[in-house]
Amino acid sequence: MPETTPESPDFPRLSSSLEAYLKAIWQVLHRSSPDSHFARVKDIAAIRGVKPGSVSPAMGKLAKLGLIVYERRNSISLTDNGKAIAEKLAHREQLLNEFFEDILQIPGPQARDQAIAVQHCLSDASTLRLERLIKHIRQQSEADIFLPSPTTSVEVTISEMVPGQRGIVRHIRAHGELNHQLIDMGLLPDSNIRLISGSMESSTTFVVALQGFEITLTNDQASAVVVTLLL
């Protein structure tokens, strides 16, 4: 797997495996009592899901890079540089997890797995931009930007639209699996759509044009998506 390159010249290049071990050390120390400054090999192995014997080679490499102080079969502690990198990695994973779970509505376990996989490829600049994006989306949400438009606009569900009509998705009246299905299809707030075929009186499915492609919705799905018609 390609190595990541921290943007600070003081930080060494780390493989994704060494990053994971460094973060595991930080997690052990973070979960311990405030007075604890040392981690044990068996605790690191438990977090990484490996045998204790597999930990030692990685600890040796991290020690040579000046990121940890390692006394073989005894204790492990982070240097200042090691702590700085580990905290940055932990923050990056948390940020990605929030993005996948809170913004993209991906279920918790899947969101965590994807955050762990992606974090090793994310640069410091991309992390900062992602952080700003999440903050911006939350600020917009707090300002009710995704709430229905004023009463002067016409709002209907997709199932109530007439073929050829266009609209802007406002919100989804669904929870759980149905909500996740619609989001996975790309029916996000402010998305532009056009009903290609289907009607409440005679159809059980509705074909919708969305961002250059077509999706097919069941009646339950179409009835859960509220749009503002573009008159």
Protein backbone atom coordinates (compact mmCIF):
# COMPACT_ATOMS: atom_id res chain seq x y z
CA MET A 1 0.00 0.00 0.00
CA PRO A 2 1.36 3.51 -0.82
CA GLU A 3 2.92 5.46 1.99
CA THR A 4 1.33 8.65 3.20
CA THR A 5 3.36 11.80 3.46
CA PRO A 6 2.49 14.12 6.34
CA GLU A 7 2.81 17.71 5.20
CA SER A 8 5.02 18.76 8.09
CA PRO A 9 8.70 18.26 7.16
CA ASP A 10 9.36 17.16 10.74
CA PHE A 11 7.22 14.05 10.34
CA PRO A 12 8.59 10.88 8.72
CA ARG A 13 6.84 8.89 6.00
CA LEU A 14 4.68 6.12 7.42
CA SER A 15 2.99 3.12 5.84
CA SER A 16 -0.68 2.59 6.64
CA SER A 17 0.32 -0.33 8.90
CA LEU A 18 2.69 1.80 10.98
CA GLU A 19 0.07 4.54 11.17
CA ALA A 20 -2.39 1.98 12.54
CA TYR A 21 0.11 0.80 15.18
CA LEU A 22 0.92 4.36 16.20
CA LYS A 23 -2.76 5.16 16.60
CA ALA A 24 -3.26 1.94 18.58
CA ILE A 25 -0.60 3.05 21.07
CA TRP A 26 -2.34 6.40 21.41
CA GLN A 27 -5.68 4.65 21.97
CA VAL A 28 -4.22 2.48 24.75
CA LEU A 29 -2.77 5.54 26.48
CA HIS A 30 -5.93 7.55 25.88
CA ARG A 31 -8.12 4.87 27.48
CA SER A 32 -5.84 4.41 30.47
CA SER A 33 -5.81 6.57 33.58
CA PRO A 34 -4.52 10.16 33.22
CA ASP A 35 -1.34 9.17 35.10
CA SER A 36 -0.52 6.35 32.68
CA HIS A 37 2.30 7.10 30.21
CA PHE A 38 3.06 3.57 29.00
CA ALA A 39 1.35 1.01 26.79
CA ARG A 40 1.90 -2.74 26.75
CA VAL A 41 2.41 -4.95 23.74
CA LYS A 42 -0.56 -7.18 24.61
CA ASP A 43 -2.89 -4.17 24.76
CA ILE A 44 -1.73 -2.95 21.35
CA ALA A 45 -2.12 -6.45 19.93
CA ALA A 46 -5.69 -6.58 21.26
CA ILE A 47 -6.66 -3.35 19.51
CA ARG A 48 -5.01 -4.39 16.24
CA GLY A 49 -6.42 -7.91 16.40
CA VAL A 50 -2.99 -9.57 15.99
CA LYS A 51 -0.75 -11.81 18.07
CA PRO A 52 1.64 -10.06 20.50
CA GLY A 53 4.61 -11.44 18.57
CA SER A 54 3.52 -9.46 15.50
CA VAL A 55 3.71 -6.16 17.37
CA SER A 56 7.43 -6.10 18.14
CA PRO A 57 8.73 -5.56 14.55
CA ALA A 58 6.44 -2.56 14.11
CA MET A 59 7.51 -1.13 17.46
CA GLY A 60 11.14 -1.43 16.41
CA LYS A 61 10.45 0.56 13.22
CA LEU A 62 8.52 3.26 15.09
CA ALA A 63 11.34 3.53 17.63
CA LYS A 64 13.93 3.99 14.86
CA LEU A 65 11.79 6.79 13.42
CA GLY A 66 11.81 8.52 16.80
CA LEU A 67 8.08 8.24 17.31
CA ILE A 68 8.07 5.97 20.36
CA VAL A 69 10.33 4.89 23.19
CA TYR A 70 10.31 1.10 23.21
CA GLU A 71 11.78 -1.16 25.84
CA ARG A 72 11.50 -4.67 24.45
CA ARG A 73 8.87 -6.77 26.30
CA ASN A 74 8.35 -3.96 28.74
CA SER A 75 6.77 -0.56 28.07
CA ILE A 76 6.01 1.69 25.13
CA SER A 77 5.56 5.45 25.23
CA LEU A 78 5.05 8.13 22.59
CA THR A 79 7.57 10.85 21.83
CA ASP A 80 6.28 14.37 21.15
CA ASN A 81 6.34 13.75 17.39
CA GLY A 82 4.69 10.36 17.82
CA LYS A 83 1.91 11.87 19.92
CA ALA A 84 1.37 14.68 17.39
CA ILE A 85 1.00 12.25 14.48
CA ALA A 86 -1.19 9.85 16.46
CA GLU A 87 -3.56 12.63 17.51
CA LYS A 88 -3.76 13.84 13.93
CA LEU A 89 -4.63 10.33 12.73
CA ALA A 90 -7.27 9.90 15.43
CA HIS A 91 -8.82 13.26 14.53
CA ARG A 92 -8.83 12.35 10.83
CA GLU A 93 -10.60 9.05 11.50
CA GLN A 94 -13.20 10.71 13.72
CA LEU A 95 -13.84 13.37 11.06
CA LEU A 96 -14.31 10.78 8.32
CA ASN A 97 -16.58 8.71 10.54
CA GLU A 98 -18.78 11.76 11.19
CA PHE A 99 -18.90 12.50 7.47
CA PHE A 100 -19.88 8.95 6.47
CA GLU A 101 -22.34 8.38 9.31
CA ASP A 102 -23.88 11.82 9.92
CA ILE A 103 -23.72 13.43 6.48
CA LEU A 104 -23.92 10.44 4.11
CA GLN A 105 -26.15 8.43 6.50
CA ILE A 106 -24.05 5.27 6.21
CA PRO A 107 -24.75 2.80 9.08
CA GLY A 108 -22.32 3.01 12.00
CA PRO A 109 -20.20 -0.15 11.50
CA GLN A 110 -19.85 0.49 7.76
CA ALA A 111 -19.03 4.15 8.36
CA ARG A 112 -16.26 3.20 10.79
CA ASP A 113 -14.76 0.62 8.42
CA GLN A 114 -14.74 3.11 5.55
CA ALA A 115 -13.24 5.84 7.73
CA ILE A 116 -10.39 3.53 8.74
CA ALA A 117 -9.77 2.57 5.09
CA VAL A 118 -9.82 6.11 3.73
CA GLN A 119 -7.87 7.91 6.46
CA HIS A 120 -4.50 6.64 5.22
CA CYS A 121 -5.05 8.26 1.81
CA LEU A 122 -6.26 11.65 3.07
CA SER A 123 -3.77 14.54 3.07
CA ASP A 124 -3.68 17.29 5.67
CA ALA A 125 -5.07 19.75 3.11
CA SER A 126 -7.97 17.42 2.26
CA THR A 127 -8.65 16.84 5.96
CA LEU A 128 -8.93 20.58 6.53
CA ARG A 129 -11.31 20.99 3.59
CA LEU A 130 -13.44 18.08 4.79
CA GLU A 131 -13.62 19.64 8.24
CA ARG A 132 -14.78 22.93 6.71
CA LEU A 133 -17.34 21.13 4.54
CA ILE A 134 -18.88 19.32 7.53
CA LYS A 135 -19.02 22.58 9.48
CA HIS A 136 -20.65 24.35 6.52
CA ILE A 137 -23.29 21.63 6.05
CA ARG A 138 -24.15 21.68 9.75
CA GLN A 139 -24.43 25.46 9.79
CA GLN A 140 -26.78 25.32 6.82
CA SER A 141 -28.85 22.65 8.53
CA GLU A 142 -29.10 24.76 11.67
CA ALA A 143 -30.29 27.66 9.53
CA ASP A 144 -33.13 25.43 8.25
CA ILE A 145 -31.86 25.60 4.68
CA PHE A 146 -33.25 22.12 4.04
CA LEU A 147 -36.70 22.86 5.38
CA PRO A 148 -39.63 23.18 2.96
CA SER A 149 -39.79 26.40 0.94
CA PRO A 150 -42.25 29.19 1.77
CA THR A 151 -45.95 28.60 1.23
CA THR A 152 -45.86 30.41 -2.13
CA SER A 153 -44.09 27.39 -3.65
CA VAL A 154 -45.83 24.17 -4.68
CA GLU A 155 -44.67 21.05 -2.86
CA VAL A 156 -45.62 17.51 -3.79
CA THR A 157 -44.19 14.04 -3.46
CA ILE A 158 -42.64 12.40 -6.52
CA SER A 159 -45.65 10.08 -6.69
CA GLU A 160 -47.88 13.16 -7.16
CA MET A 161 -45.85 14.60 -10.03
CA VAL A 162 -46.85 14.48 -13.68
CA PRO A 163 -44.39 13.07 -16.24
CA GLY A 164 -42.25 15.90 -17.58
CA GLN A 165 -42.44 17.97 -14.40
CA ARG A 166 -39.23 19.10 -12.76
CA GLY A 167 -38.54 19.74 -9.11
CA ILE A 168 -35.99 20.18 -6.35
CA VAL A 169 -35.79 17.63 -3.55
CA ARG A 170 -36.56 19.24 -0.20
CA HIS A 171 -36.66 16.40 2.30
CA ILE A 172 -37.42 12.72 2.75
CA ARG A 173 -40.38 11.61 4.85
CA ALA A 174 -38.92 8.27 5.84
CA HIS A 175 -36.75 6.64 8.45
CA GLY A 176 -34.60 3.57 8.74
CA GLU A 177 -34.00 1.36 5.71
CA LEU A 178 -36.30 3.33 3.38
CA ASN A 179 -34.47 6.55 4.20
CA HIS A 180 -31.09 4.89 3.55
CA GLN A 181 -32.32 3.46 0.22
CA LEU A 182 -33.36 6.88 -1.06
CA ILE A 183 -30.13 8.56 0.04
CA ASP A 184 -28.08 5.80 -1.58
CA MET A 185 -29.94 6.50 -4.82
CA GLY A 186 -28.73 10.12 -4.67
CA LEU A 187 -32.00 11.78 -3.62
CA LEU A 188 -30.36 14.38 -1.41
CA PRO A 189 -31.76 17.81 -0.48
CA ASP A 190 -31.43 20.38 -3.30
CA SER A 191 -31.09 17.68 -5.98
CA ASN A 192 -32.77 18.54 -9.31
CA ILE A 193 -35.06 15.85 -10.68
CA ARG A 194 -37.48 15.27 -13.58
CA LEU A 195 -40.25 12.69 -13.64
CA ILE A 196 -39.94 10.63 -16.81
CA SER A 197 -42.83 8.22 -16.30
CA GLY A 198 -45.32 7.12 -13.69
CA SER A 199 -48.49 8.51 -12.14
CA MET A 200 -50.33 8.07 -8.86
CA GLU A 201 -53.43 6.75 -10.60
CA SER A 202 -51.92 4.03 -12.77
CA SER A 203 -48.32 3.22 -11.81
CA THR A 204 -46.53 1.16 -9.21
CA THR A 205 -43.11 2.40 -10.31
CA PHE A 206 -41.76 5.86 -11.16
CA VAL A 207 -38.78 6.60 -13.41
CA VAL A 208 -36.88 9.75 -12.44
CA ALA A 209 -34.00 11.58 -14.14
CA LEU A 210 -31.38 12.56 -11.58
CA GLN A 211 -27.96 14.10 -12.29
CA GLY A 212 -27.65 12.64 -15.77
CA PHE A 213 -28.97 9.14 -15.05
CA GLU A 214 -32.29 7.44 -14.44
CA ILE A 215 -33.53 5.73 -11.28
CA THR A 216 -36.66 3.67 -10.72
CA LEU A 217 -38.68 4.15 -7.55
CA THR A 218 -41.42 2.06 -6.02
CA ASN A 219 -44.63 3.78 -4.97
CA ASP A 220 -43.52 3.78 -1.31
CA GLN A 221 -40.19 5.35 -2.25
CA ALA A 222 -41.76 7.96 -4.53
CA SER A 223 -44.32 8.86 -1.86
CA ALA A 224 -41.56 9.53 0.68
CA VAL A 225 -39.67 12.17 -1.32
CA VAL A 226 -41.00 15.74 -1.07
CA VAL A 227 -40.03 18.13 -3.86
CA THR A 228 -40.67 21.76 -4.76
CA LEU A 229 -41.99 21.96 -8.31
CA LEU A 230 -40.14 24.17 -10.78
CA LEU A 231 -43.04 26.02 -12.40
